[in-house]
């Protein structure tokens, strides 16, 4: 294994990998992110795979590329990054007092002399939010924090005060299920 490459521009994913002690490089994927799949699990698998494959094509063999994609889902609807403050308010109002799901798909992609080896997994976490007043939502939006995050909130930031309960991996909500990723890479390296 030459090196680990993270195919993502996400500062949160970079931070999680650093915290876990991974040595890696970042190569941002320019993959098309148009979704053709219908279920959240299939969507994050599709997009994480596209990102990993786009980066792997530009690299020499022997690297391990990590592609990841995260979706926030409320009652079967995808809540992406808000387009503006009105959109952020709408999303946070929907999440207020309810449980939603966060899905992260991860694709591990290696190129060997024998060809491409790919491993894909999905992690799902249920997140329950406390009820939020309109004033609390507006104040949170005023921080600017929600504007670049799926579902219009960052659990690792100021929105932490609105999270009542988590069932599953906290880091998955941040953007990368780091413990599962470690186990999958460990298993991968043991097979080589």
Protein backbone atom coordinates (compact mmCIF):
# COMPACT_ATOMS: atom_id res chain seq x y z
CA UNK A 1 0.00 0.00 0.00
CA UNK A 2 1.62 3.25 -1.11
CA UNK A 3 -0.69 5.77 0.52
CA UNK A 4 -4.23 6.56 1.57
CA UNK A 5 -6.02 9.21 -0.48
CA UNK A 6 -9.18 10.95 0.75
CA UNK A 7 -11.36 11.85 -2.25
CA UNK A 8 -13.21 14.64 -0.44
CA UNK A 9 -13.03 18.39 0.15
CA UNK A 10 -14.78 18.04 3.52
CA UNK A 11 -12.77 19.61 6.35
CA UNK A 12 -14.76 17.49 8.80
CA UNK A 13 -13.68 14.23 7.13
CA UNK A 14 -10.05 15.39 7.10
CA UNK A 15 -10.25 16.23 10.81
CA UNK A 16 -11.76 12.83 11.69
CA UNK A 17 -9.01 10.99 9.79
CA UNK A 18 -6.33 13.10 11.53
CA UNK A 19 -7.88 12.50 14.96
CA UNK A 20 -7.82 8.75 14.29
CA UNK A 21 -4.11 8.89 13.42
CA UNK A 22 -4.37 8.16 9.71
CA UNK A 23 -1.60 9.35 7.42
CA UNK A 24 -3.29 10.45 4.19
CA UNK A 25 -3.40 12.93 1.35
CA UNK A 26 -6.41 14.78 -0.02
CA UNK A 27 -7.35 14.75 -3.68
CA UNK A 28 -10.74 16.37 -4.28
CA UNK A 29 -12.99 14.46 -6.65
CA UNK A 30 -14.52 16.26 -9.59
CA UNK A 31 -17.06 13.45 -10.09
CA UNK A 32 -20.58 14.14 -11.32
CA UNK A 33 -22.88 14.07 -8.28
CA UNK A 34 -26.14 13.51 -10.14
CA UNK A 35 -28.07 10.82 -8.29
CA UNK A 36 -29.70 8.00 -10.23
CA UNK A 37 -30.50 5.70 -7.30
CA UNK A 38 -33.73 5.90 -5.28
CA UNK A 39 -32.96 4.82 -1.70
CA UNK A 40 -30.63 6.71 0.68
CA UNK A 41 -28.37 3.64 1.07
CA UNK A 42 -28.02 3.23 -2.69
CA UNK A 43 -27.52 6.98 -3.20
CA UNK A 44 -24.58 7.26 -0.79
CA UNK A 45 -23.03 4.08 -2.21
CA UNK A 46 -23.36 5.48 -5.73
CA UNK A 47 -21.85 8.87 -4.91
CA UNK A 48 -19.03 7.58 -2.70
CA UNK A 49 -18.08 5.14 -5.44
CA UNK A 50 -18.08 7.82 -8.13
CA UNK A 51 -15.85 10.05 -6.03
CA UNK A 52 -13.38 7.24 -5.30
CA UNK A 53 -13.24 6.06 -8.93
CA UNK A 54 -12.72 9.60 -10.27
CA UNK A 55 -9.70 10.10 -8.02
CA UNK A 56 -8.31 6.57 -8.49
CA UNK A 57 -8.14 7.05 -12.27
CA UNK A 58 -5.57 9.82 -11.78
CA UNK A 59 -3.30 7.81 -9.46
CA UNK A 60 -0.69 5.11 -9.79
CA UNK A 61 -1.59 1.61 -8.70
CA UNK A 62 -1.16 0.60 -5.09
CA UNK A 63 -2.98 3.49 -3.42
CA UNK A 64 -6.09 3.17 -1.28
CA UNK A 65 -8.71 5.78 -2.15
CA UNK A 66 -11.51 6.64 0.29
CA UNK A 67 -14.66 8.13 -1.20
CA UNK A 68 -17.51 9.20 1.08
CA UNK A 69 -20.92 10.80 0.80
CA UNK A 70 -23.37 11.77 3.55
CA UNK A 71 -27.11 12.38 3.34
CA UNK A 72 -29.59 13.64 5.92
CA UNK A 73 -33.04 12.08 5.52
CA UNK A 74 -36.27 13.21 7.18
CA UNK A 75 -39.42 11.16 6.58
CA UNK A 76 -37.94 9.78 3.36
CA UNK A 77 -36.93 13.21 2.00
CA UNK A 78 -33.30 14.18 1.41
CA UNK A 79 -32.22 17.36 3.21
CA UNK A 80 -29.14 18.59 1.37
CA UNK A 81 -27.12 21.73 2.00
CA UNK A 82 -29.41 24.75 2.32
CA UNK A 83 -29.56 27.09 -0.67
CA UNK A 84 -30.09 30.15 1.52
CA UNK A 85 -31.15 31.17 5.04
CA UNK A 86 -34.85 30.60 4.28
CA UNK A 87 -34.07 27.05 3.17
CA UNK A 88 -31.96 26.49 6.30
CA UNK A 89 -34.83 27.71 8.48
CA UNK A 90 -37.26 25.35 6.73
CA UNK A 91 -34.95 22.36 7.25
CA UNK A 92 -34.25 23.10 10.91
CA UNK A 93 -37.96 23.64 11.55
CA UNK A 94 -38.63 20.17 10.03
CA UNK A 95 -35.94 18.56 12.18
CA UNK A 96 -37.09 20.29 15.37
CA UNK A 97 -38.57 17.79 17.84
CA UNK A 98 -38.22 14.84 15.43
CA UNK A 99 -35.94 11.95 14.57
CA UNK A 100 -34.09 11.84 11.28
CA UNK A 101 -31.46 9.60 9.74
CA UNK A 102 -27.91 10.31 8.61
CA UNK A 103 -26.45 7.92 6.01
CA UNK A 104 -22.81 7.85 5.00
CA UNK A 105 -21.61 5.66 2.17
CA UNK A 106 -17.91 4.85 2.05
CA UNK A 107 -16.06 3.31 -0.88
CA UNK A 108 -12.55 1.92 -0.46
CA UNK A 109 -10.85 1.53 -3.81
CA UNK A 110 -7.46 0.04 -4.54
CA UNK A 111 -5.72 -0.56 -7.84
CA UNK A 112 -3.45 -3.58 -7.98
CA UNK A 113 -1.67 -5.35 -10.83
CA UNK A 114 -4.61 -7.78 -10.85
CA UNK A 115 -7.12 -4.96 -11.27
CA UNK A 116 -9.43 -2.83 -9.19
CA UNK A 117 -10.51 -3.94 -5.73
CA UNK A 118 -13.53 -2.15 -4.27
CA UNK A 119 -15.25 -2.38 -0.90
CA UNK A 120 -18.40 -0.37 -0.12
CA UNK A 121 -20.35 0.04 3.11
CA UNK A 122 -23.08 2.28 4.53
CA UNK A 123 -23.49 3.50 8.08
CA UNK A 124 -26.84 4.84 9.36
CA UNK A 125 -27.39 6.90 12.51
CA UNK A 126 -30.70 8.07 13.96
CA UNK A 127 -30.62 11.59 15.41
CA UNK A 128 -33.43 13.04 17.55
CA UNK A 129 -33.56 16.80 17.97
CA UNK A 130 -35.09 18.74 20.83
CA UNK A 131 -37.84 21.18 19.84
CA UNK A 132 -36.32 24.51 18.75
CA UNK A 133 -38.01 27.89 18.87
CA UNK A 134 -38.03 30.12 15.80
CA UNK A 135 -35.71 32.47 17.69
CA UNK A 136 -33.23 29.68 18.42
CA UNK A 137 -33.28 28.60 14.79
CA UNK A 138 -32.72 32.18 13.57
CA UNK A 139 -29.87 32.69 16.04
CA UNK A 140 -28.23 29.46 14.89
CA UNK A 141 -28.59 30.41 11.23
CA UNK A 142 -27.04 33.78 12.11
CA UNK A 143 -23.80 32.01 13.05
CA UNK A 144 -23.41 30.90 9.41
CA UNK A 145 -22.69 27.34 10.56
CA UNK A 146 -25.67 25.64 8.86
CA UNK A 147 -24.98 26.95 5.38
CA UNK A 148 -22.48 24.32 4.16
CA UNK A 149 -23.93 21.28 5.91
CA UNK A 150 -26.45 18.66 4.87
CA UNK A 151 -29.60 19.08 6.94
CA UNK A 152 -28.49 22.63 7.83
CA UNK A 153 -26.69 21.66 11.04
CA UNK A 154 -23.32 20.58 12.33
CA UNK A 155 -23.56 18.22 15.28
CA UNK A 156 -19.95 18.94 16.18
CA UNK A 157 -20.66 22.68 16.44
CA UNK A 158 -23.29 24.89 18.01
CA UNK A 159 -26.15 22.61 16.98
CA UNK A 160 -24.96 20.12 19.61
CA UNK A 161 -27.28 21.83 22.13
CA UNK A 162 -30.30 20.78 20.03
CA UNK A 163 -29.43 17.06 19.85
CA UNK A 164 -31.52 15.00 22.26
CA UNK A 165 -30.44 11.49 21.29
CA UNK A 166 -28.23 9.60 18.89
CA UNK A 167 -28.62 5.94 17.99
CA UNK A 168 -25.53 4.86 16.10
CA UNK A 169 -22.16 6.36 15.30
CA UNK A 170 -21.71 10.03 16.28
CA UNK A 171 -18.84 10.46 13.81
CA UNK A 172 -21.11 9.25 11.03
CA UNK A 173 -23.23 12.35 11.64
CA UNK A 174 -20.10 14.51 11.44
CA UNK A 175 -19.40 12.95 8.03
CA UNK A 176 -17.33 9.78 8.33
CA UNK A 177 -17.91 6.62 10.43
CA UNK A 178 -14.27 6.54 11.48
CA UNK A 179 -14.36 3.42 13.70
CA UNK A 180 -16.03 1.33 10.98
CA UNK A 181 -13.64 2.79 8.40
CA UNK A 182 -10.66 1.80 10.54
CA UNK A 183 -12.00 -1.76 10.92
CA UNK A 184 -12.66 -2.05 7.17
CA UNK A 185 -9.16 -0.75 6.25
CA UNK A 186 -7.57 -3.03 8.86
CA UNK A 187 -9.39 -6.03 7.39
CA UNK A 188 -8.42 -4.89 3.87
CA UNK A 189 -4.71 -4.65 4.77
CA UNK A 190 -4.76 -8.04 6.48
CA UNK A 191 -6.08 -9.60 3.25
CA UNK A 192 -3.20 -8.23 1.18
